Amino acid sequence: MYLLFVLILVRTTTSVPLSSGPRSPRSTSSGTAYSLSLTTFDPNGRLRQLEFAYEAIDQALPVAACRCTDGILLISWGFGKLHVSRVSENIAVGAAGLRGDFRNLAARAQRIASKHALEFGSEISVAALAEELSALVQEHTQLAGLRPYGASLLIVGPDEIFSIEPSGWVAPWNRLALGSHSRELLGLLPDCDASISHTLLKLRSFHVDNDLISSRRRRRTKERGTSTVADKEMVDEDEDEDEEEDVFAQQPLTAGVALLPTGKALQLVNDIEDYFNNNNDT
């Protein structure tokens, strides 16, 4: 009788599959659960909100900067308005991504530059500004209640070009293009062997796909109807652009240009054509 009881117990216990540990609801999720958190990494080590930020950049109007033989050039495409911003006397920024995020980062950069000038009596360097601003951007991938910035910045000065990504990664460049059509645009940028005038002459032929606006609106409409609350946060931040895009949809693309000729002050131009109209000798 005792032997029979032992055999039944062994057979019952061995028939139950061993568990590798407590099952988490997130382990069976398709990834949506990780999108609910702004700072939680998924099992593959990816930060979903950061990926959403890079997606916004890939869908955005492009921005580019390059080192020329006679100075630095920054150019950003937009609709009907200047899409570059002055930070200080000889520093300018442009961005690809959410317009509201760019305005916020540009204002932060201006405050950093103003504080430095007030404390030290001199203009901040591009490298120092990029490092300080990148620390702020990186904090938005860590702190609860925040989300990554949905924009990549290009910061240019008299002799330097720096980029800041939504992850907070910062790097110097001789030439760089961000946003949609960045590969095609990068092919038009010189490798430090052309003048500003010659570079702008080449960029005259660059055109962004006019279907970009409608595709962005369709993508936003789809995400608002199917995404989770956290997924929508990145999109809702850009909702005010819908009305602006309706206004600018019928207008041609313009290119806000920041010119930094060697030894001269920063010059902002509303469009490439404005530059050639004001520089007939080129």
Protein backbone atom coordinates (compact mmCIF):
# COMPACT_ATOMS: atom_id res chain seq x y z
CA MET A 1 0.00 0.00 0.00
CA TYR A 2 2.81 2.40 0.90
CA LEU A 3 4.74 1.54 -2.29
CA LEU A 4 1.69 2.19 -4.44
CA PHE A 5 1.22 5.62 -2.85
CA VAL A 6 4.85 6.58 -3.60
CA LEU A 7 4.56 5.56 -7.26
CA ILE A 8 1.40 7.61 -7.70
CA LEU A 9 3.04 10.65 -6.07
CA VAL A 10 6.15 10.43 -8.29
CA ARG A 11 4.06 10.03 -11.44
CA THR A 12 1.93 13.06 -10.51
CA THR A 13 4.82 15.36 -9.71
CA THR A 14 6.89 14.47 -12.78
CA SER A 15 3.98 15.03 -15.13
CA VAL A 16 3.87 18.72 -14.23
CA PRO A 17 6.25 20.77 -16.47
CA LEU A 18 8.87 22.74 -14.61
CA SER A 19 8.50 26.53 -14.80
CA SER A 20 11.49 28.73 -15.47
CA GLY A 21 10.09 31.33 -13.10
CA PRO A 22 7.11 33.61 -12.60
CA ARG A 23 5.57 34.72 -15.88
CA SER A 24 5.34 38.44 -16.40
CA PRO A 25 2.39 39.85 -18.31
CA ARG A 26 4.90 41.85 -20.35
CA SER A 27 6.73 38.70 -21.48
CA THR A 28 3.68 37.66 -23.50
CA SER A 29 3.01 41.12 -24.80
CA SER A 30 3.74 42.14 -28.36
CA GLY A 31 5.64 45.15 -27.07
CA THR A 32 2.76 47.49 -26.31
CA ALA A 33 3.30 47.19 -22.56
CA TYR A 34 6.79 48.62 -22.89
CA SER A 35 5.43 51.57 -24.83
CA LEU A 36 3.43 52.59 -21.76
CA SER A 37 6.63 53.55 -19.98
CA LEU A 38 8.83 56.38 -21.13
CA THR A 39 12.01 54.93 -19.60
CA THR A 40 11.53 51.13 -19.54
CA PHE A 41 13.69 48.98 -21.82
CA ASP A 42 12.11 45.98 -23.54
CA PRO A 43 13.74 42.48 -23.40
CA ASN A 44 15.80 43.34 -26.49
CA GLY A 45 17.32 46.37 -24.77
CA ARG A 46 15.41 48.90 -26.84
CA LEU A 47 13.71 52.00 -25.52
CA ARG A 48 10.45 52.18 -27.47
CA GLN A 49 9.86 55.88 -26.89
CA LEU A 50 13.34 56.56 -28.27
CA GLU A 51 12.49 54.59 -31.39
CA PHE A 52 9.35 56.68 -31.80
CA ALA A 53 11.53 59.80 -31.64
CA TYR A 54 13.83 58.53 -34.41
CA GLU A 55 10.79 57.65 -36.51
CA ALA A 56 9.55 61.22 -36.19
CA ILE A 57 12.95 62.45 -37.40
CA ASP A 58 12.96 60.08 -40.39
CA GLN A 59 9.56 61.45 -41.45
CA ALA A 60 10.51 65.11 -40.97
CA LEU A 61 11.65 67.77 -43.39
CA PRO A 62 15.43 67.63 -43.78
CA VAL A 63 18.21 69.74 -42.33
CA ALA A 64 21.87 69.72 -43.39
CA ALA A 65 25.17 71.36 -42.54
CA CYS A 66 28.58 71.27 -44.18
CA ARG A 67 32.02 72.81 -43.92
CA CYS A 68 32.92 74.85 -46.99
CA THR A 69 36.19 76.39 -48.09
CA ASP A 70 35.05 79.84 -46.97
CA GLY A 71 32.93 79.02 -43.92
CA ILE A 72 30.10 76.92 -42.49
CA LEU A 73 26.64 76.41 -44.02
CA LEU A 74 23.42 75.29 -42.28
CA ILE A 75 20.23 74.81 -44.26
CA SER A 76 16.80 73.60 -43.11
CA TRP A 77 13.72 73.09 -45.29
CA GLY A 78 10.25 74.20 -44.24
CA PHE A 79 7.04 75.85 -45.37
CA GLY A 80 6.79 79.62 -45.54
CA LYS A 81 9.04 80.44 -42.57
CA LEU A 82 12.65 80.37 -41.43
CA HIS A 83 13.57 76.96 -40.04
CA VAL A 84 16.87 77.86 -38.47
CA SER A 85 17.31 79.76 -35.24
CA ARG A 86 20.01 82.08 -33.94
CA VAL A 87 21.46 81.04 -30.57
CA SER A 88 24.07 83.75 -30.16
CA GLU A 89 26.02 86.17 -32.31
CA ASN A 90 27.85 83.42 -34.20
CA ILE A 91 25.95 80.20 -33.40
CA ALA A 92 22.82 78.86 -35.12
CA VAL A 93 20.76 75.68 -34.81
CA GLY A 94 18.51 73.71 -37.12
CA ALA A 95 16.60 70.49 -36.54
CA ALA A 96 14.76 67.62 -38.17
CA GLY A 97 11.78 66.35 -36.21
CA LEU A 98 8.88 67.72 -34.22
CA ARG A 99 8.66 71.46 -34.60
CA GLY A 100 7.58 72.04 -31.00
CA ASP A 101 10.57 70.09 -29.70
CA PHE A 102 12.89 72.13 -31.89
CA ARG A 103 11.48 75.39 -30.55
CA ASN A 104 11.96 74.14 -27.00
CA LEU A 105 15.56 73.05 -27.60
CA ALA A 106 16.40 76.27 -29.44
CA ALA A 107 15.08 78.30 -26.49
CA ARG A 108 17.12 76.15 -24.07
CA ALA A 109 20.23 76.70 -26.19
CA GLN A 110 19.66 80.46 -26.18
CA ARG A 111 19.35 80.48 -22.37
CA ILE A 112 22.54 78.44 -22.00
CA ALA A 113 24.42 80.81 -24.32
CA SER A 114 23.07 83.90 -22.54
CA LYS A 115 24.00 82.52 -19.12
CA HIS A 116 27.54 81.74 -20.29
CA ALA A 117 27.97 85.23 -21.77
CA LEU A 118 26.73 86.81 -18.54
CA GLU A 119 29.02 84.77 -16.29
CA PHE A 120 32.19 84.73 -18.39
CA GLY A 121 31.83 87.78 -20.63
CA SER A 122 32.43 85.80 -23.82
CA GLU A 123 30.47 83.75 -26.33
CA ILE A 124 30.09 80.05 -25.56
CA SER A 125 31.87 77.62 -27.87
CA VAL A 126 29.87 75.27 -30.08
CA ALA A 127 31.42 72.23 -28.38
CA ALA A 128 30.52 73.47 -24.89
CA LEU A 129 26.97 74.32 -25.95
CA ALA A 130 26.53 70.92 -27.58
CA GLU A 131 27.78 69.06 -24.50
CA GLU A 132 25.52 70.98 -22.12
CA LEU A 133 22.48 70.67 -24.35
CA SER A 134 23.10 66.96 -24.96
CA ALA A 135 23.05 66.35 -21.19
CA LEU A 136 19.57 67.87 -21.07
CA VAL A 137 18.43 65.76 -24.02
CA GLN A 138 19.82 62.60 -22.43
CA GLU A 139 17.96 63.27 -19.18
CA HIS A 140 14.71 62.98 -21.11
CA THR A 141 15.48 59.28 -21.71
CA GLN A 142 15.86 58.60 -17.97
CA LEU A 143 13.57 60.70 -15.80
CA ALA A 144 10.01 59.64 -15.09
CA GLY A 145 7.33 61.88 -16.51
CA LEU A 146 9.48 62.93 -19.48
CA ARG A 147 9.86 61.56 -22.97
CA PRO A 148 12.75 61.71 -25.46
CA TYR A 149 12.87 64.77 -27.68
CA GLY A 150 11.51 63.97 -31.12
CA ALA A 151 14.13 66.03 -32.93
CA SER A 152 17.78 65.86 -33.90
CA LEU A 153 19.74 69.09 -33.70
CA LEU A 154 22.51 70.51 -35.84
CA ILE A 155 24.54 73.23 -34.11
CA VAL A 156 26.94 75.31 -36.20
CA GLY A 157 29.51 77.91 -35.29
CA PRO A 158 32.40 79.70 -37.00
CA ASP A 159 34.53 76.55 -37.31
CA GLU A 160 32.46 73.67 -35.96
CA ILE A 161 29.42 71.48 -36.68
CA PHE A 162 27.86 69.30 -33.98
CA SER A 163 24.81 67.06 -33.96
CA ILE A 164 22.68 65.95 -31.00
CA GLU A 165 20.43 62.90 -31.26
CA PRO A 166 17.36 62.13 -29.11
CA SER A 167 19.45 59.67 -27.09
CA GLY A 168 21.77 62.50 -26.07
CA TRP A 169 24.63 61.30 -28.27
CA VAL A 170 26.68 64.24 -29.55
CA ALA A 171 29.34 64.23 -32.28
CA PRO A 172 31.31 66.65 -34.50
CA TRP A 173 30.99 66.53 -38.29
CA ASN A 174 32.33 68.02 -41.49
CA ARG A 175 28.99 67.45 -43.23
CA LEU A 176 25.74 65.83 -42.19
CA ALA A 177 22.10 65.58 -43.32
CA LEU A 178 19.15 64.55 -41.13
CA GLY A 179 15.49 63.83 -41.77
CA SER A 180 13.75 62.51 -44.86
CA HIS A 181 15.76 62.36 -48.11
CA SER A 182 18.94 62.68 -46.03
CA ARG A 183 20.89 60.25 -48.21
CA GLU A 184 20.11 62.13 -51.40
CA LEU A 185 20.88 65.42 -49.71
CA LEU A 186 24.18 64.16 -48.30
CA GLY A 187 25.28 63.30 -51.83
CA LEU A 188 24.91 66.96 -52.82
CA LEU A 189 27.00 68.30 -49.95
CA PRO A 190 30.68 68.95 -50.70
CA ASP A 191 33.47 67.32 -48.75
CA CYS A 192 35.06 70.58 -47.54
CA ASP A 193 36.16 71.38 -51.10
CA ALA A 194 33.56 73.90 -52.32
CA SER A 195 32.54 77.42 -51.45
CA ILE A 196 29.26 78.41 -49.78
CA SER A 197 27.97 79.91 -53.04
CA HIS A 198 28.80 76.80 -55.05
CA THR A 199 27.14 74.55 -52.45
CA LEU A 200 23.95 76.61 -52.43
CA LEU A 201 23.95 76.54 -56.22
CA LYS A 202 23.93 72.73 -56.11
CA LEU A 203 21.22 72.67 -53.44
CA ARG A 204 18.96 74.74 -55.67
CA SER A 205 18.16 71.51 -57.51
CA PHE A 206 17.22 69.60 -54.35
CA HIS A 207 13.48 69.09 -53.90
CA VAL A 208 11.62 67.35 -51.08
CA ASP A 209 8.71 65.08 -52.02
CA ASN A 210 5.50 67.13 -51.84
CA ASP A 211 3.62 64.06 -50.58
CA LEU A 212 5.56 64.24 -47.31
CA ILE A 213 2.88 66.26 -45.52
CA SER A 214 -0.03 64.04 -46.48
CA SER A 215 1.89 60.89 -45.56
CA ARG A 216 2.73 62.34 -42.14
CA ARG A 217 -0.92 63.25 -41.55
CA ARG A 218 -2.10 59.77 -42.56
CA ARG A 219 0.44 58.21 -40.21
CA ARG A 220 -0.67 60.43 -37.31
CA THR A 221 -4.35 59.69 -37.93
CA LYS A 222 -3.69 55.97 -37.91
CA GLU A 223 -1.64 56.13 -34.71
CA ARG A 224 -4.25 58.20 -32.90
CA GLY A 225 -6.88 55.59 -33.69
CA THR A 226 -4.90 52.44 -32.83
CA SER A 227 -2.05 53.28 -30.47
CA THR A 228 -1.86 53.23 -26.69
CA VAL A 229 -1.90 56.37 -24.59
CA ALA A 230 1.89 56.45 -24.33
CA ASP A 231 2.29 55.91 -28.07
CA LYS A 232 0.04 58.87 -28.73
CA GLU A 233 2.01 61.22 -26.50
CA MET A 234 4.74 61.62 -29.11
CA VAL A 235 2.09 62.27 -31.76
CA ASP A 236 -0.14 64.55 -29.70
CA GLU A 237 2.83 66.84 -29.07
CA ASP A 238 2.76 67.55 -32.80
CA GLU A 239 -1.02 67.95 -33.21
CA ASP A 240 -0.85 71.71 -33.70
CA GLU A 241 1.15 71.15 -36.87
CA ASP A 242 -1.92 69.79 -38.68
CA GLU A 243 -3.49 73.24 -38.98
CA GLU A 244 -0.14 74.80 -39.90
CA GLU A 245 0.40 72.19 -42.60
CA ASP A 246 -3.03 72.90 -44.07
CA VAL A 247 -1.95 76.53 -44.43
CA PHE A 248 1.48 75.76 -45.88
CA ALA A 249 0.47 72.75 -48.00
CA GLN A 250 -0.05 74.91 -51.07
CA GLN A 251 3.18 76.86 -50.57
CA PRO A 252 6.54 75.83 -52.03
CA LEU A 253 9.28 74.55 -49.80
CA THR A 254 11.65 77.23 -48.60
CA ALA A 255 15.06 76.73 -47.09
CA GLY A 256 16.13 78.68 -44.03
CA VAL A 257 19.87 79.23 -44.39
CA ALA A 258 22.51 80.13 -41.81
CA LEU A 259 25.78 81.40 -43.31
CA LEU A 260 28.98 81.64 -41.30
CA PRO A 261 31.71 82.93 -43.64
CA THR A 262 35.18 82.77 -42.15
CA GLY A 263 35.88 85.88 -40.09
CA LYS A 264 32.39 87.31 -40.63
CA ALA A 265 29.22 87.44 -38.53
CA LEU A 266 26.38 84.94 -38.77
CA GLN A 267 23.89 85.73 -41.53
CA LEU A 268 20.37 84.25 -41.71
CA VAL A 269 18.61 84.02 -45.07
CA ASN A 270 14.93 83.15 -45.59
CA ASP A 271 15.55 81.22 -48.79
CA ILE A 272 18.31 80.14 -51.14
CA GLU A 273 16.97 82.49 -53.82
CA ASP A 274 17.23 85.40 -51.37
CA TYR A 275 20.93 84.67 -51.01
CA PHE A 276 21.56 84.85 -54.75
CA ASN A 277 19.38 87.94 -55.12
CA ASN A 278 21.47 89.71 -52.49
CA ASN A 279 24.80 88.39 -53.82
CA ASN A 280 24.65 89.05 -57.54
CA ASP A 281 28.41 88.97 -57.80
CA THR A 282 28.40 85.22 -57.03
